[in-house]
C-alpha atoms as a PDB file:
ATOM      1  CA  UNK A   1    -114.445 -30.623 -10.418  1.00  0.00           C
ATOM      2  CA  UNK A   2    -112.121 -30.528 -13.387  1.00  0.00           C
ATOM      3  CA  UNK A   3    -110.016 -33.626 -13.934  1.00  0.00           C
ATOM      4  CA  UNK A   4    -106.287 -33.520 -14.420  1.00  0.00           C
ATOM      5  CA  UNK A   5    -105.190 -33.554 -18.066  1.00  0.00           C
ATOM      6  CA  UNK A   6    -103.326 -36.423 -19.673  1.00  0.00           C
ATOM      7  CA  UNK A   7     -99.724 -35.834 -18.716  1.00  0.00           C
ATOM      8  CA  UNK A   8     -98.044 -38.799 -20.432  1.00  0.00           C
ATOM      9  CA  UNK A   9     -96.446 -36.640 -23.152  1.00  0.00           C
ATOM     10  CA  UNK A  10     -95.102 -34.076 -20.652  1.00  0.00           C
ATOM     11  CA  UNK A  11     -93.852 -36.827 -18.332  1.00  0.00           C
ATOM     12  CA  UNK A  12     -91.972 -38.406 -21.251  1.00  0.00           C
ATOM     13  CA  UNK A  13     -90.371 -35.042 -22.083  1.00  0.00           C
ATOM     14  CA  UNK A  14     -89.354 -34.539 -18.442  1.00  0.00           C
ATOM     15  CA  UNK A  15     -87.753 -37.983 -18.360  1.00  0.00           C
ATOM     16  CA  UNK A  16     -85.943 -37.335 -21.649  1.00  0.00           C
ATOM     17  CA  UNK A  17     -84.522 -33.927 -20.725  1.00  0.00           C
ATOM     18  CA  UNK A  18     -83.427 -35.069 -17.250  1.00  0.00           C
ATOM     19  CA  UNK A  19     -81.642 -38.061 -18.847  1.00  0.00           C
ATOM     20  CA  UNK A  20     -79.956 -35.749 -21.364  1.00  0.00           C
ATOM     21  CA  UNK A  21     -78.670 -33.537 -18.547  1.00  0.00           C
ATOM     22  CA  UNK A  22     -77.583 -36.503 -16.424  1.00  0.00           C
ATOM     23  CA  UNK A  23     -75.693 -37.945 -19.403  1.00  0.00           C
ATOM     24  CA  UNK A  24     -73.853 -34.651 -19.929  1.00  0.00           C
ATOM     25  CA  UNK A  25     -72.601 -33.899 -16.431  1.00  0.00           C
ATOM     26  CA  UNK A  26     -68.976 -34.039 -17.568  1.00  0.00           C
ATOM     27  CA  UNK A  27     -68.025 -31.558 -20.263  1.00  0.00           C
ATOM     28  CA  UNK A  28     -64.607 -32.071 -21.805  1.00  0.00           C
ATOM     29  CA  UNK A  29     -65.114 -30.682 -25.310  1.00  0.00           C
ATOM     30  CA  UNK A  30     -67.175 -28.235 -27.357  1.00  0.00           C
ATOM     31  CA  UNK A  31     -69.626 -30.928 -28.560  1.00  0.00           C
ATOM     32  CA  UNK A  32     -70.462 -32.017 -24.985  1.00  0.00           C
ATOM     33  CA  UNK A  33     -70.749 -28.354 -23.986  1.00  0.00           C
ATOM     34  CA  UNK A  34     -73.251 -27.692 -26.792  1.00  0.00           C
ATOM     35  CA  UNK A  35     -75.255 -30.844 -25.944  1.00  0.00           C
ATOM     36  CA  UNK A  36     -75.537 -29.807 -22.284  1.00  0.00           C
ATOM     37  CA  UNK A  37     -76.449 -26.267 -23.350  1.00  0.00           C
ATOM     38  CA  UNK A  38     -79.271 -27.560 -25.564  1.00  0.00           C
ATOM     39  CA  UNK A  39     -80.495 -29.911 -22.805  1.00  0.00           C
ATOM     40  CA  UNK A  40     -80.490 -27.014 -20.378  1.00  0.00           C
ATOM     41  CA  UNK A  41     -82.549 -24.895 -22.795  1.00  0.00           C
ATOM     42  CA  UNK A  42     -84.927 -27.832 -23.186  1.00  0.00           C
ATOM     43  CA  UNK A  43     -85.618 -27.701 -19.446  1.00  0.00           C
ATOM     44  CA  UNK A  44     -87.247 -24.283 -19.903  1.00  0.00           C
ATOM     45  CA  UNK A  45     -89.281 -25.557 -22.829  1.00  0.00           C
ATOM     46  CA  UNK A  46     -90.535 -28.536 -20.818  1.00  0.00           C
ATOM     47  CA  UNK A  47     -91.327 -26.257 -17.858  1.00  0.00           C
ATOM     48  CA  UNK A  48     -93.448 -24.135 -20.209  1.00  0.00           C
ATOM     49  CA  UNK A  49     -95.288 -27.257 -21.425  1.00  0.00           C
ATOM     50  CA  UNK A  50     -95.921 -28.265 -17.801  1.00  0.00           C
ATOM     51  CA  UNK A  51     -97.364 -24.804 -17.150  1.00  0.00           C
ATOM     52  CA  UNK A  52     -99.517 -24.990 -20.291  1.00  0.00           C
ATOM     53  CA  UNK A  53    -100.785 -28.386 -19.131  1.00  0.00           C
ATOM     54  CA  UNK A  54    -101.635 -27.465 -15.550  1.00  0.00           C
ATOM     55  CA  UNK A  55    -102.386 -23.720 -15.537  1.00  0.00           C
ATOM     56  CA  UNK A  56    -105.952 -24.151 -16.878  1.00  0.00           C
ATOM     57  CA  UNK A  57    -106.640 -26.696 -14.131  1.00  0.00           C
ATOM     58  CA  UNK A  58    -105.114 -24.410 -11.503  1.00  0.00           C
ATOM     59  CA  UNK A  59    -107.102 -21.422 -12.798  1.00  0.00           C
ATOM     60  CA  UNK A  60    -110.345 -23.373 -12.669  1.00  0.00           C
ATOM     61  CA  UNK A  61    -109.539 -24.644  -9.176  1.00  0.00           C
ATOM     62  CA  UNK A  62    -108.693 -21.096  -8.006  1.00  0.00           C
ATOM     63  CA  UNK A  63    -111.934 -19.775  -9.484  1.00  0.00           C
ATOM     64  CA  UNK A  64    -113.878 -22.555  -7.741  1.00  0.00           C
ATOM     65  CA  UNK A  65    -111.985 -21.883  -4.493  1.00  0.00           C
ATOM     66  CA  UNK A  66    -112.784 -18.161  -4.622  1.00  0.00           C
ATOM     67  CA  UNK A  67    -116.448 -18.900  -5.334  1.00  0.00           C
ATOM     68  CA  UNK A  68    -116.619 -21.382  -2.444  1.00  0.00           C
ATOM     69  CA  UNK A  69    -114.929 -18.934  -0.040  1.00  0.00           C
ATOM     70  CA  UNK A  70    -117.346 -16.173  -1.096  1.00  0.00           C
ATOM     71  CA  UNK A  71    -120.348 -18.481  -0.713  1.00  0.00           C
ATOM     72  CA  UNK A  72    -119.166 -19.552   2.748  1.00  0.00           C
ATOM     73  CA  UNK A  73    -118.649 -15.927   3.753  1.00  0.00           C
ATOM     74  CA  UNK A  74    -122.070 -14.934   2.405  1.00  0.00           C
ATOM     75  CA  UNK A  75    -123.745 -17.822   4.235  1.00  0.00           C
ATOM     76  CA  UNK A  76    -121.843 -17.152   7.463  1.00  0.00           C
ATOM     77  CA  UNK A  77    -122.372 -13.375   7.568  1.00  0.00           C
ATOM     78  CA  UNK A  78    -125.943 -13.501   8.955  1.00  0.00           C
ATOM     79  CA  UNK A  79    -124.843 -16.096  11.510  1.00  0.00           C
ATOM     80  CA  UNK A  80    -121.886 -13.943  12.567  1.00  0.00           C
ATOM     81  CA  UNK A  81    -124.180 -10.949  12.994  1.00  0.00           C
ATOM     82  CA  UNK A  82    -126.785 -12.954  14.928  1.00  0.00           C
ATOM     83  CA  UNK A  83    -124.105 -14.542  17.136  1.00  0.00           C
ATOM     84  CA  UNK A  84    -122.609 -11.130  17.947  1.00  0.00           C
ATOM     85  CA  UNK A  85    -126.046  -9.701  18.794  1.00  0.00           C
ATOM     86  CA  UNK A  86    -126.824 -12.665  21.037  1.00  0.00           C
ATOM     87  CA  UNK A  87    -123.388 -12.503  22.684  1.00  0.00           C
ATOM     88  CA  UNK A  88    -123.802  -8.778  23.399  1.00  0.00           C
ATOM     89  CA  UNK A  89    -127.259  -9.319  24.911  1.00  0.00           C
ATOM     90  CA  UNK A  90    -126.151 -12.312  26.996  1.00  0.00           C
ATOM     91  CA  UNK A  91    -123.015 -10.513  28.226  1.00  0.00           C
ATOM     92  CA  UNK A  92    -124.995  -7.383  29.109  1.00  0.00           C
ATOM     93  CA  UNK A  93    -127.692  -9.355  30.940  1.00  0.00           C
ATOM     94  CA  UNK A  94    -125.082 -11.392  32.808  1.00  0.00           C
ATOM     95  CA  UNK A  95    -123.165  -8.252  33.829  1.00  0.00           C
ATOM     96  CA  UNK A  96    -126.306  -6.521  35.111  1.00  0.00           C
ATOM     97  CA  UNK A  97    -128.221  -9.444  36.643  1.00  0.00           C
ATOM     98  CA  UNK A  98    -128.644  -8.831  40.377  1.00  0.00           C
ATOM     99  CA  UNK A  99    -128.629 -12.503  41.372  1.00  0.00           C
ATOM    100  CA  UNK A 100    -126.518 -13.753  38.476  1.00  0.00           C
ATOM    101  CA  UNK A 101    -127.755 -15.083  35.179  1.00  0.00           C
ATOM    102  CA  UNK A 102    -128.727 -18.738  34.809  1.00  0.00           C
ATOM    103  CA  UNK A 103    -126.008 -21.031  33.500  1.00  0.00           C
ATOM    104  CA  UNK A 104    -126.112 -22.105  29.870  1.00  0.00           C
ATOM    105  CA  UNK A 105    -124.010 -25.197  29.182  1.00  0.00           C
ATOM    106  CA  UNK A 106    -121.175 -24.374  26.791  1.00  0.00           C
ATOM    107  CA  UNK A 107    -121.275 -20.606  27.342  1.00  0.00           C
ATOM    108  CA  UNK A 108    -119.010 -18.842  29.787  1.00  0.00           C
ATOM    109  CA  UNK A 109    -118.531 -15.172  30.418  1.00  0.00           C
ATOM    110  CA  UNK A 110    -115.270 -13.337  30.493  1.00  0.00           C
ATOM    111  CA  UNK A 111    -113.897  -9.840  30.723  1.00  0.00           C
ATOM    112  CA  UNK A 112    -111.202  -8.738  28.367  1.00  0.00           C
ATOM    113  CA  UNK A 113    -109.049  -5.712  28.975  1.00  0.00           C
ATOM    114  CA  UNK A 114    -107.378  -3.430  26.517  1.00  0.00           C
ATOM    115  CA  UNK A 115    -105.685  -0.053  26.613  1.00  0.00           C
ATOM    116  CA  UNK A 116    -106.932   3.073  24.914  1.00  0.00           C
ATOM    117  CA  UNK A 117    -104.573   6.030  24.494  1.00  0.00           C
ATOM    118  CA  UNK A 118    -106.609   9.059  25.523  1.00  0.00           C
ATOM    119  CA  UNK A 119    -103.762  11.574  25.790  1.00  0.00           C
ATOM    120  CA  UNK A 120    -100.595  10.691  23.917  1.00  0.00           C
ATOM    121  CA  UNK A 121     -98.671  13.668  25.324  1.00  0.00           C
ATOM    122  CA  UNK A 122     -99.462  12.539  28.870  1.00  0.00           C
ATOM    123  CA  UNK A 123     -98.128   9.118  27.932  1.00  0.00           C
ATOM    124  CA  UNK A 124     -94.968  10.722  26.556  1.00  0.00           C
ATOM    125  CA  UNK A 125     -94.531  12.632  29.827  1.00  0.00           C
ATOM    126  CA  UNK A 126     -95.028   9.409  31.790  1.00  0.00           C
ATOM    127  CA  UNK A 127     -92.254   7.814  29.757  1.00  0.00           C
ATOM    128  CA  UNK A 128     -90.038  10.839  30.417  1.00  0.00           C
ATOM    129  CA  UNK A 129     -90.671  10.496  34.179  1.00  0.00           C
ATOM    130  CA  UNK A 130     -89.954   6.742  34.127  1.00  0.00           C
ATOM    131  CA  UNK A 131     -93.559   5.744  34.881  1.00  0.00           C
ATOM    132  CA  UNK A 132     -93.904   3.933  31.555  1.00  0.00           C
ATOM    133  CA  UNK A 133     -91.498   2.097  29.254  1.00  0.00           C
ATOM    134  CA  UNK A 134     -90.353   3.834  26.071  1.00  0.00           C
ATOM    135  CA  UNK A 135     -91.781   0.965  23.970  1.00  0.00           C
ATOM    136  CA  UNK A 136     -95.260   2.251  24.788  1.00  0.00           C
ATOM    137  CA  UNK A 137     -94.692   5.439  22.822  1.00  0.00           C
ATOM    138  CA  UNK A 138     -95.429   4.032  19.395  1.00  0.00           C
ATOM    139  CA  UNK A 139     -98.059   3.539  20.908  1.00  0.00           C
ATOM    140  CA  UNK A 140     -97.549  -0.181  20.925  1.00  0.00           C
ATOM    141  CA  UNK A 141    -101.118  -1.363  21.365  1.00  0.00           C
ATOM    142  CA  UNK A 142    -100.004  -4.950  21.909  1.00  0.00           C
ATOM    143  CA  UNK A 143     -98.013  -3.910  24.990  1.00  0.00           C
ATOM    144  CA  UNK A 144    -100.642  -1.438  26.209  1.00  0.00           C
ATOM    145  CA  UNK A 145    -103.375  -4.069  25.870  1.00  0.00           C
ATOM    146  CA  UNK A 146    -101.201  -6.593  27.751  1.00  0.00           C
ATOM    147  CA  UNK A 147    -100.795  -4.052  30.570  1.00  0.00           C
ATOM    148  CA  UNK A 148    -104.545  -3.456  30.625  1.00  0.00           C
ATOM    149  CA  UNK A 149    -105.223  -7.202  30.800  1.00  0.00           C
ATOM    150  CA  UNK A 150    -102.723  -7.557  33.641  1.00  0.00           C
ATOM    151  CA  UNK A 151    -103.610  -4.479  35.687  1.00  0.00           C
ATOM    152  CA  UNK A 152    -107.277  -4.188  34.759  1.00  0.00           C
ATOM    153  CA  UNK A 153    -109.044  -1.389  36.656  1.00  0.00           C
ATOM    154  CA  UNK A 154    -105.938  -0.481  38.690  1.00  0.00           C
ATOM    155  CA  UNK A 155    -104.014   0.442  35.540  1.00  0.00           C
ATOM    156  CA  UNK A 156    -102.648   3.920  36.258  1.00  0.00           C
ATOM    157  CA  UNK A 157    -100.873   5.116  33.153  1.00  0.00           C
ATOM    158  CA  UNK A 158    -101.233   8.797  32.235  1.00  0.00           C
ATOM    159  CA  UNK A 159    -102.742   9.191  28.819  1.00  0.00           C
ATOM    160  CA  UNK A 160    -104.021   5.629  28.686  1.00  0.00           C
ATOM    161  CA  UNK A 161    -107.282   4.231  29.938  1.00  0.00           C
ATOM    162  CA  UNK A 162    -107.980   0.559  30.659  1.00  0.00           C
ATOM    163  CA  UNK A 163    -111.192  -0.359  28.873  1.00  0.00           C
ATOM    164  CA  UNK A 164    -113.217  -3.409  29.937  1.00  0.00           C
ATOM    165  CA  UNK A 165    -115.371  -5.188  27.391  1.00  0.00           C
ATOM    166  CA  UNK A 166    -117.632  -8.030  28.468  1.00  0.00           C
ATOM    167  CA  UNK A 167    -118.251 -10.904  26.099  1.00  0.00           C
ATOM    168  CA  UNK A 168    -118.692 -14.653  25.994  1.00  0.00           C
ATOM    169  CA  UNK A 169    -116.692 -17.713  24.984  1.00  0.00           C
ATOM    170  CA  UNK A 170    -118.499 -20.561  23.247  1.00  0.00           C
ATOM    171  CA  UNK A 171    -117.362 -24.188  23.308  1.00  0.00           C
ATOM    172  CA  UNK A 172    -118.087 -26.556  20.455  1.00  0.00           C
ATOM    173  CA  UNK A 173    -121.102 -28.796  21.028  1.00  0.00           C
ATOM    174  CA  UNK A 174    -120.214 -32.433  21.730  1.00  0.00           C
END
């Protein structure tokens, strides 16, 4: 990892320009006005020197960060795919097992519900008849999914179908 550059010169310039400004906080004549104006301009110059000092370090760190994120993503992708395949198989077996699937410590099964708009016009008509709230017309999938999670299979909303997806939840190993 790249080390921070020597900042002694920049730190000295920061201290100097801040002292110049602090010593010129009262302006009663043209000379004091000009001194404060020059000190204020010097702030920009020192800011530029700070940027010149640290931008190469930041750029290198950003490049390293992006490379690390990409490497993590590349390494995790096969695991994500394998985990999803295993989760789908386990959830399907568990859902279809006649006597229930054996218990695996750290894995539990759950059903999640969501809404799927199958006929938007029917949903609009339901809103017009007062069977559904106007907010659902966007359609607001957050609200429709909340209704599906709450009502599950008894959800009776024209133009919307409650869709059940079976999956698993995994706890971290101790």
